[in-house]
PDB file of N, CA and C in Angstrom:
ATOM      1  N   MET A   1      26.063  -4.381   9.294  1.00  0.00           N
ATOM      2  CA  MET A   1      26.669  -5.888   9.206  1.00  0.00           C
ATOM      3  C   MET A   1      27.778  -5.996   8.484  1.00  0.00           C
ATOM      4  N   THR A   2      28.385  -6.961   9.496  1.00  0.00           N
ATOM      5  CA  THR A   2      29.659  -7.458   8.531  1.00  0.00           C
ATOM      6  C   THR A   2      29.515  -8.981   8.361  1.00  0.00           C
ATOM      7  N   GLN A   3      30.289  -9.099   7.496  1.00  0.00           N
ATOM      8  CA  GLN A   3      30.353 -10.638   7.035  1.00  0.00           C
ATOM      9  C   GLN A   3      31.655 -11.367   7.637  1.00  0.00           C
ATOM     10  N   ASN A   4      31.376 -12.481   8.230  1.00  0.00           N
ATOM     11  CA  ASN A   4      32.449 -13.229   9.036  1.00  0.00           C
ATOM     12  C   ASN A   4      33.580 -13.881   7.882  1.00  0.00           C
ATOM     13  N   GLY A   5      32.908 -14.306   6.827  1.00  0.00           N
ATOM     14  CA  GLY A   5      33.596 -15.049   5.626  1.00  0.00           C
ATOM     15  C   GLY A   5      32.606 -15.332   4.627  1.00  0.00           C
ATOM     16  N   GLU A   6      33.204 -15.803   3.662  1.00  0.00           N
ATOM     17  CA  GLU A   6      32.593 -15.929   2.634  1.00  0.00           C
ATOM     18  C   GLU A   6      31.484 -17.157   2.827  1.00  0.00           C
ATOM     19  N   GLY A   7      30.223 -16.760   2.105  1.00  0.00           N
ATOM     20  CA  GLY A   7      28.960 -17.779   2.470  1.00  0.00           C
ATOM     21  C   GLY A   7      28.665 -17.691   3.699  1.00  0.00           C
ATOM     22  N   GLU A   8      29.062 -16.924   4.633  1.00  0.00           N
ATOM     23  CA  GLU A   8      28.802 -16.885   6.081  1.00  0.00           C
ATOM     24  C   GLU A   8      27.478 -16.020   6.421  1.00  0.00           C
ATOM     25  N   VAL A   9      26.784 -16.333   7.277  1.00  0.00           N
ATOM     26  CA  VAL A   9      25.688 -15.296   7.849  1.00  0.00           C
ATOM     27  C   VAL A   9      26.238 -14.100   8.298  1.00  0.00           C
ATOM     28  N   PRO A  10      25.843 -13.035   7.815  1.00  0.00           N
ATOM     29  CA  PRO A  10      26.334 -11.559   8.672  1.00  0.00           C
ATOM     30  C   PRO A  10      26.097 -11.605  10.064  1.00  0.00           C
ATOM     31  N   VAL A  11      27.229 -10.912  10.794  1.00  0.00           N
ATOM     32  CA  VAL A  11      26.784 -10.433  12.238  1.00  0.00           C
ATOM     33  C   VAL A  11      26.476  -9.285  12.438  1.00  0.00           C
ATOM     34  N   PRO A  12      25.350  -8.979  13.039  1.00  0.00           N
ATOM     35  CA  PRO A  12      24.687  -7.648  13.133  1.00  0.00           C
ATOM     36  C   PRO A  12      25.621  -6.761  13.904  1.00  0.00           C
ATOM     37  N   LEU A  13      25.800  -5.731  13.584  1.00  0.00           N
ATOM     38  CA  LEU A  13      26.365  -4.499  14.232  1.00  0.00           C
ATOM     39  C   LEU A  13      25.530  -3.753  15.418  1.00  0.00           C
ATOM     40  N   PRO A  14      26.105  -3.230  16.427  1.00  0.00           N
ATOM     41  CA  PRO A  14      25.383  -3.026  17.355  1.00  0.00           C
ATOM     42  C   PRO A  14      24.163  -1.771  17.063  1.00  0.00           C
ATOM     43  N   GLY A  15      24.063  -1.152  16.193  1.00  0.00           N
ATOM     44  CA  GLY A  15      22.823  -0.510  16.049  1.00  0.00           C
ATOM     45  C   GLY A  15      21.482  -1.170  14.921  1.00  0.00           C
ATOM     46  N   ASP A  16      22.021  -2.415  14.575  1.00  0.00           N
ATOM     47  CA  ASP A  16      21.176  -3.233  13.507  1.00  0.00           C
ATOM     48  C   ASP A  16      19.984  -3.474  14.106  1.00  0.00           C
ATOM     49  N   THR A  17      19.915  -3.879  14.954  1.00  0.00           N
ATOM     50  CA  THR A  17      18.978  -4.466  15.928  1.00  0.00           C
ATOM     51  C   THR A  17      17.776  -3.205  15.982  1.00  0.00           C
ATOM     52  N   ALA A  18      18.323  -2.378  16.589  1.00  0.00           N
ATOM     53  CA  ALA A  18      17.330  -1.318  16.956  1.00  0.00           C
ATOM     54  C   ALA A  18      16.667  -0.395  15.580  1.00  0.00           C
ATOM     55  N   ARG A  19      17.876  -0.319  14.612  1.00  0.00           N
ATOM     56  CA  ARG A  19      17.083  -0.027  13.475  1.00  0.00           C
ATOM     57  C   ARG A  19      15.851  -0.940  12.729  1.00  0.00           C
ATOM     58  N   LEU A  20      16.247  -2.250  12.849  1.00  0.00           N
ATOM     59  CA  LEU A  20      15.172  -3.103  12.053  1.00  0.00           C
ATOM     60  C   LEU A  20      13.823  -3.115  13.215  1.00  0.00           C
ATOM     61  N   ASP A  21      13.927  -2.941  14.502  1.00  0.00           N
ATOM     62  CA  ASP A  21      13.007  -2.649  15.293  1.00  0.00           C
ATOM     63  C   ASP A  21      12.174  -1.522  14.937  1.00  0.00           C
ATOM     64  N   GLN A  22      12.927  -0.258  14.623  1.00  0.00           N
ATOM     65  CA  GLN A  22      12.041   0.755  14.163  1.00  0.00           C
ATOM     66  C   GLN A  22      11.374   0.539  13.167  1.00  0.00           C
ATOM     67  N   LEU A  23      12.140  -0.189  12.089  1.00  0.00           N
ATOM     68  CA  LEU A  23      11.056  -0.436  10.850  1.00  0.00           C
ATOM     69  C   LEU A  23      10.295  -1.178  11.037  1.00  0.00           C
ATOM     70  N   ALA A  24      10.277  -2.459  11.714  1.00  0.00           N
ATOM     71  CA  ALA A  24       9.116  -3.414  12.309  1.00  0.00           C
ATOM     72  C   ALA A  24       7.941  -2.551  12.905  1.00  0.00           C
ATOM     73  N   ALA A  25       8.122  -1.692  13.584  1.00  0.00           N
ATOM     74  CA  ALA A  25       7.219  -0.923  14.565  1.00  0.00           C
ATOM     75  C   ALA A  25       6.456   0.103  13.532  1.00  0.00           C
ATOM     76  N   HIS A  26       7.193   0.808  12.437  1.00  0.00           N
ATOM     77  CA  HIS A  26       6.573   1.416  11.584  1.00  0.00           C
ATOM     78  C   HIS A  26       5.805   0.552  10.805  1.00  0.00           C
ATOM     79  N   TRP A  27       6.143  -0.316  10.036  1.00  0.00           N
ATOM     80  CA  TRP A  27       5.669  -1.083   9.309  1.00  0.00           C
ATOM     81  C   TRP A  27       4.290  -1.650  10.164  1.00  0.00           C
ATOM     82  N   ARG A  28       4.156  -2.231  11.110  1.00  0.00           N
ATOM     83  CA  ARG A  28       2.916  -2.486  12.183  1.00  0.00           C
ATOM     84  C   ARG A  28       2.000  -1.330  12.126  1.00  0.00           C
ATOM     85  N   ASP A  29       2.441  -0.289  12.155  1.00  0.00           N
ATOM     86  CA  ASP A  29       1.673   1.041  12.341  1.00  0.00           C
ATOM     87  C   ASP A  29       1.208   1.558  11.198  1.00  0.00           C
ATOM     88  N   ALA A  30       1.557   1.181   9.976  1.00  0.00           N
ATOM     89  CA  ALA A  30       1.162   1.667   8.605  1.00  0.00           C
ATOM     90  C   ALA A  30      -0.084   1.063   8.334  1.00  0.00           C
ATOM     91  N   ASP A  31      -0.644   2.011   7.503  1.00  0.00           N
ATOM     92  CA  ASP A  31      -2.260   1.854   7.122  1.00  0.00           C
ATOM     93  C   ASP A  31      -2.325   0.646   6.351  1.00  0.00           C
ATOM     94  N   PRO A  32      -3.141  -0.228   6.791  1.00  0.00           N
ATOM     95  CA  PRO A  32      -3.153  -1.610   5.946  1.00  0.00           C
ATOM     96  C   PRO A  32      -3.371  -1.578   4.621  1.00  0.00           C
ATOM     97  N   ALA A  33      -4.021  -0.407   4.060  1.00  0.00           N
ATOM     98  CA  ALA A  33      -3.907  -0.718   2.411  1.00  0.00           C
ATOM     99  C   ALA A  33      -2.747  -0.348   1.980  1.00  0.00           C
ATOM    100  N   ALA A  34      -1.945   0.556   2.519  1.00  0.00           N
ATOM    101  CA  ALA A  34      -0.524   1.002   2.328  1.00  0.00           C
ATOM    102  C   ALA A  34       0.351  -0.414   2.206  1.00  0.00           C
ATOM    103  N   ARG A  35       0.421  -1.203   3.547  1.00  0.00           N
ATOM    104  CA  ARG A  35       1.111  -2.355   3.596  1.00  0.00           C
ATOM    105  C   ARG A  35       0.527  -3.405   2.262  1.00  0.00           C
ATOM    106  N   GLN A  36      -0.646  -3.373   2.066  1.00  0.00           N
ATOM    107  CA  GLN A  36      -0.958  -4.369   0.934  1.00  0.00           C
ATOM    108  C   GLN A  36      -0.558  -3.944  -0.338  1.00  0.00           C
ATOM    109  N   GLU A  37      -0.471  -2.648  -0.718  1.00  0.00           N
ATOM    110  CA  GLU A  37       0.294  -1.966  -1.878  1.00  0.00           C
ATOM    111  C   GLU A  37       1.512  -2.371  -2.057  1.00  0.00           C
ATOM    112  N   VAL A  38       2.460  -2.421  -0.662  1.00  0.00           N
ATOM    113  CA  VAL A  38       3.707  -2.794  -0.932  1.00  0.00           C
ATOM    114  C   VAL A  38       4.042  -4.315  -0.980  1.00  0.00           C
ATOM    115  N   THR A  39       2.968  -4.909  -0.479  1.00  0.00           N
ATOM    116  CA  THR A  39       3.053  -6.266  -0.707  1.00  0.00           C
ATOM    117  C   THR A  39       2.815  -6.905  -1.806  1.00  0.00           C
ATOM    118  N   ASP A  40       1.865  -6.251  -2.400  1.00  0.00           N
ATOM    119  CA  ASP A  40       1.555  -6.701  -4.002  1.00  0.00           C
ATOM    120  C   ASP A  40       2.670  -5.984  -4.686  1.00  0.00           C
ATOM    121  N   ALA A  41       3.448  -4.903  -4.638  1.00  0.00           N
ATOM    122  CA  ALA A  41       4.341  -4.460  -5.441  1.00  0.00           C
ATOM    123  C   ALA A  41       5.598  -5.456  -5.162  1.00  0.00           C
ATOM    124  N   ALA A  42       6.052  -5.613  -4.270  1.00  0.00           N
ATOM    125  CA  ALA A  42       7.074  -6.840  -3.965  1.00  0.00           C
ATOM    126  C   ALA A  42       6.747  -8.001  -4.579  1.00  0.00           C
ATOM    127  N   ASP A  43       5.532  -8.645  -4.593  1.00  0.00           N
ATOM    128  CA  ASP A  43       5.074  -9.853  -5.498  1.00  0.00           C
ATOM    129  C   ASP A  43       5.179  -9.716  -7.027  1.00  0.00           C
ATOM    130  N   ALA A  44       5.052  -8.562  -7.212  1.00  0.00           N
ATOM    131  CA  ALA A  44       5.056  -8.144  -8.914  1.00  0.00           C
ATOM    132  C   ALA A  44       6.431  -8.173  -9.008  1.00  0.00           C
ATOM    133  N   LEU A  45       7.429  -7.699  -8.255  1.00  0.00           N
ATOM    134  CA  LEU A  45       8.923  -7.430  -8.483  1.00  0.00           C
ATOM    135  C   LEU A  45       9.370  -8.988  -8.568  1.00  0.00           C
ATOM    136  N   LEU A  46       8.955 -10.117  -7.677  1.00  0.00           N
ATOM    137  CA  LEU A  46       9.468 -11.318  -7.841  1.00  0.00           C
ATOM    138  C   LEU A  46       8.987 -12.079  -9.037  1.00  0.00           C
ATOM    139  N   ASP A  47       7.831 -11.785  -9.447  1.00  0.00           N
ATOM    140  CA  ASP A  47       7.263 -12.408 -10.768  1.00  0.00           C
ATOM    141  C   ASP A  47       7.853 -11.799 -12.119  1.00  0.00           C
ATOM    142  N   SER A  48       8.156 -10.765 -12.019  1.00  0.00           N
ATOM    143  CA  SER A  48       9.052  -9.917 -13.102  1.00  0.00           C
ATOM    144  C   SER A  48       9.950  -8.975 -12.589  1.00  0.00           C
ATOM    145  N   PRO A  49      11.309  -9.265 -12.349  1.00  0.00           N
ATOM    146  CA  PRO A  49      11.994  -8.356 -11.784  1.00  0.00           C
ATOM    147  C   PRO A  49      12.622  -7.421 -12.949  1.00  0.00           C
ATOM    148  N   ASP A  50      12.025  -6.335 -13.336  1.00  0.00           N
ATOM    149  CA  ASP A  50      12.433  -5.347 -14.077  1.00  0.00           C
ATOM    150  C   ASP A  50      12.390  -3.857 -13.621  1.00  0.00           C
ATOM    151  N   ALA A  51      12.679  -2.912 -14.140  1.00  0.00           N
ATOM    152  CA  ALA A  51      13.224  -1.782 -13.753  1.00  0.00           C
ATOM    153  C   ALA A  51      11.744  -1.042 -13.338  1.00  0.00           C
ATOM    154  N   GLY A  52      10.719  -1.464 -14.130  1.00  0.00           N
ATOM    155  CA  GLY A  52       9.206  -0.858 -13.664  1.00  0.00           C
ATOM    156  C   GLY A  52       8.804  -1.386 -12.426  1.00  0.00           C
ATOM    157  N   ALA A  53       8.990  -2.534 -12.198  1.00  0.00           N
ATOM    158  CA  ALA A  53       8.449  -3.357 -11.192  1.00  0.00           C
ATOM    159  C   ALA A  53       9.299  -2.934  -9.721  1.00  0.00           C
ATOM    160  N   VAL A  54      10.540  -2.437  -9.864  1.00  0.00           N
ATOM    161  CA  VAL A  54      11.394  -1.908  -9.032  1.00  0.00           C
ATOM    162  C   VAL A  54      10.984  -0.676  -8.477  1.00  0.00           C
ATOM    163  N   ASP A  55      10.434   0.242  -9.492  1.00  0.00           N
ATOM    164  CA  ASP A  55       9.911   1.759  -9.431  1.00  0.00           C
ATOM    165  C   ASP A  55       8.762   1.583  -8.608  1.00  0.00           C
ATOM    166  N   GLN A  56       7.676   0.562  -8.932  1.00  0.00           N
ATOM    167  CA  GLN A  56       6.653   0.651  -8.385  1.00  0.00           C
ATOM    168  C   GLN A  56       6.532   0.275  -6.937  1.00  0.00           C
ATOM    169  N   LEU A  57       7.760  -0.813  -6.491  1.00  0.00           N
ATOM    170  CA  LEU A  57       7.890  -0.925  -5.094  1.00  0.00           C
ATOM    171  C   LEU A  57       8.445  -0.027  -4.460  1.00  0.00           C
ATOM    172  N   LEU A  58       9.256   0.578  -4.809  1.00  0.00           N
ATOM    173  CA  LEU A  58       9.902   1.832  -4.231  1.00  0.00           C
ATOM    174  C   LEU A  58       9.022   3.087  -4.012  1.00  0.00           C
ATOM    175  N   ASP A  59       8.113   3.107  -5.094  1.00  0.00           N
ATOM    176  CA  ASP A  59       6.950   4.254  -4.969  1.00  0.00           C
ATOM    177  C   ASP A  59       5.801   3.634  -3.789  1.00  0.00           C
ATOM    178  N   ALA A  60       5.624   2.493  -3.542  1.00  0.00           N
ATOM    179  CA  ALA A  60       4.461   1.965  -2.924  1.00  0.00           C
ATOM    180  C   ALA A  60       5.347   2.085  -1.191  1.00  0.00           C
ATOM    181  N   LEU A  61       6.739   2.080  -1.295  1.00  0.00           N
ATOM    182  CA  LEU A  61       7.104   1.847   0.309  1.00  0.00           C
ATOM    183  C   LEU A  61       7.075   3.612   0.788  1.00  0.00           C
ATOM    184  N   ARG A  62       7.320   4.492  -0.161  1.00  0.00           N
ATOM    185  CA  ARG A  62       7.198   5.772   0.062  1.00  0.00           C
ATOM    186  C   ARG A  62       5.859   6.216   0.366  1.00  0.00           C
ATOM    187  N   ARG A  63       4.716   5.785  -0.161  1.00  0.00           N
ATOM    188  CA  ARG A  63       3.520   5.958   0.061  1.00  0.00           C
ATOM    189  C   ARG A  63       3.203   5.253   1.578  1.00  0.00           C
ATOM    190  N   ALA A  64       3.806   4.131   1.511  1.00  0.00           N
ATOM    191  CA  ALA A  64       3.492   3.719   2.991  1.00  0.00           C
ATOM    192  C   ALA A  64       4.312   4.498   4.487  1.00  0.00           C
ATOM    193  N   GLY A  65       5.202   5.354   3.953  1.00  0.00           N
ATOM    194  CA  GLY A  65       5.812   6.173   4.693  1.00  0.00           C
ATOM    195  C   GLY A  65       7.245   5.679   5.067  1.00  0.00           C
ATOM    196  N   ILE A  66       7.819   4.771   4.426  1.00  0.00           N
ATOM    197  CA  ILE A  66       9.085   4.190   4.674  1.00  0.00           C
ATOM    198  C   ILE A  66      10.051   4.840   3.373  1.00  0.00           C
ATOM    199  N   ASN A  67      11.033   5.311   3.862  1.00  0.00           N
ATOM    200  CA  ASN A  67      11.760   6.277   2.725  1.00  0.00           C
ATOM    201  C   ASN A  67      13.063   5.534   2.173  1.00  0.00           C
ATOM    202  N   PRO A  68      12.714   4.336   1.129  1.00  0.00           N
ATOM    203  CA  PRO A  68      13.717   3.661   0.529  1.00  0.00           C
ATOM    204  C   PRO A  68      14.846   4.286   0.250  1.00  0.00           C
ATOM    205  N   ASP A  69      15.036   5.616  -0.065  1.00  0.00           N
ATOM    206  CA  ASP A  69      16.318   6.417  -0.428  1.00  0.00           C
ATOM    207  C   ASP A  69      17.186   6.635   0.962  1.00  0.00           C
ATOM    208  N   ALA A  70      16.395   6.397   1.975  1.00  0.00           N
ATOM    209  CA  ALA A  70      17.319   6.805   3.467  1.00  0.00           C
ATOM    210  C   ALA A  70      18.817   5.938   3.500  1.00  0.00           C
ATOM    211  N   ASP A  71      19.328   6.502   3.999  1.00  0.00           N
ATOM    212  CA  ASP A  71      20.846   5.677   4.339  1.00  0.00           C
ATOM    213  C   ASP A  71      20.658   4.767   5.656  1.00  0.00           C
ATOM    214  N   ASN A  72      21.300   3.833   5.697  1.00  0.00           N
ATOM    215  CA  ASN A  72      21.175   3.177   6.928  1.00  0.00           C
ATOM    216  C   ASN A  72      20.851   3.746   8.300  1.00  0.00           C
ATOM    217  N   GLU A  73      21.220   4.764   8.559  1.00  0.00           N
ATOM    218  CA  GLU A  73      21.034   5.480   9.860  1.00  0.00           C
ATOM    219  C   GLU A  73      19.842   5.641  10.029  1.00  0.00           C
ATOM    220  N   SER A  74      19.143   6.189   8.883  1.00  0.00           N
ATOM    221  CA  SER A  74      17.610   6.568   9.374  1.00  0.00           C
ATOM    222  C   SER A  74      16.548   5.946   8.693  1.00  0.00           C
ATOM    223  N   LEU A  75      16.539   4.797   8.594  1.00  0.00           N
ATOM    224  CA  LEU A  75      15.321   3.999   8.451  1.00  0.00           C
ATOM    225  C   LEU A  75      14.189   4.638   9.082  1.00  0.00           C
TER     226      LEU A  75
END
């Protein structure tokens, strides 16, 4: 995504929509228990934004099959 200017909504680049569609499809196909674990970890991070909560969310994403360490090209 590119920024138009300060405070403006980013403009999607050509591949952004496809990558988001791919991620959404993976999320829909993920095990319901894994999705709940990710949701719970995200809620915990919002409640207490610390390094431990971040690690728990990243681990939950990995267990759900979503690689948070991947670059933007390989979501």
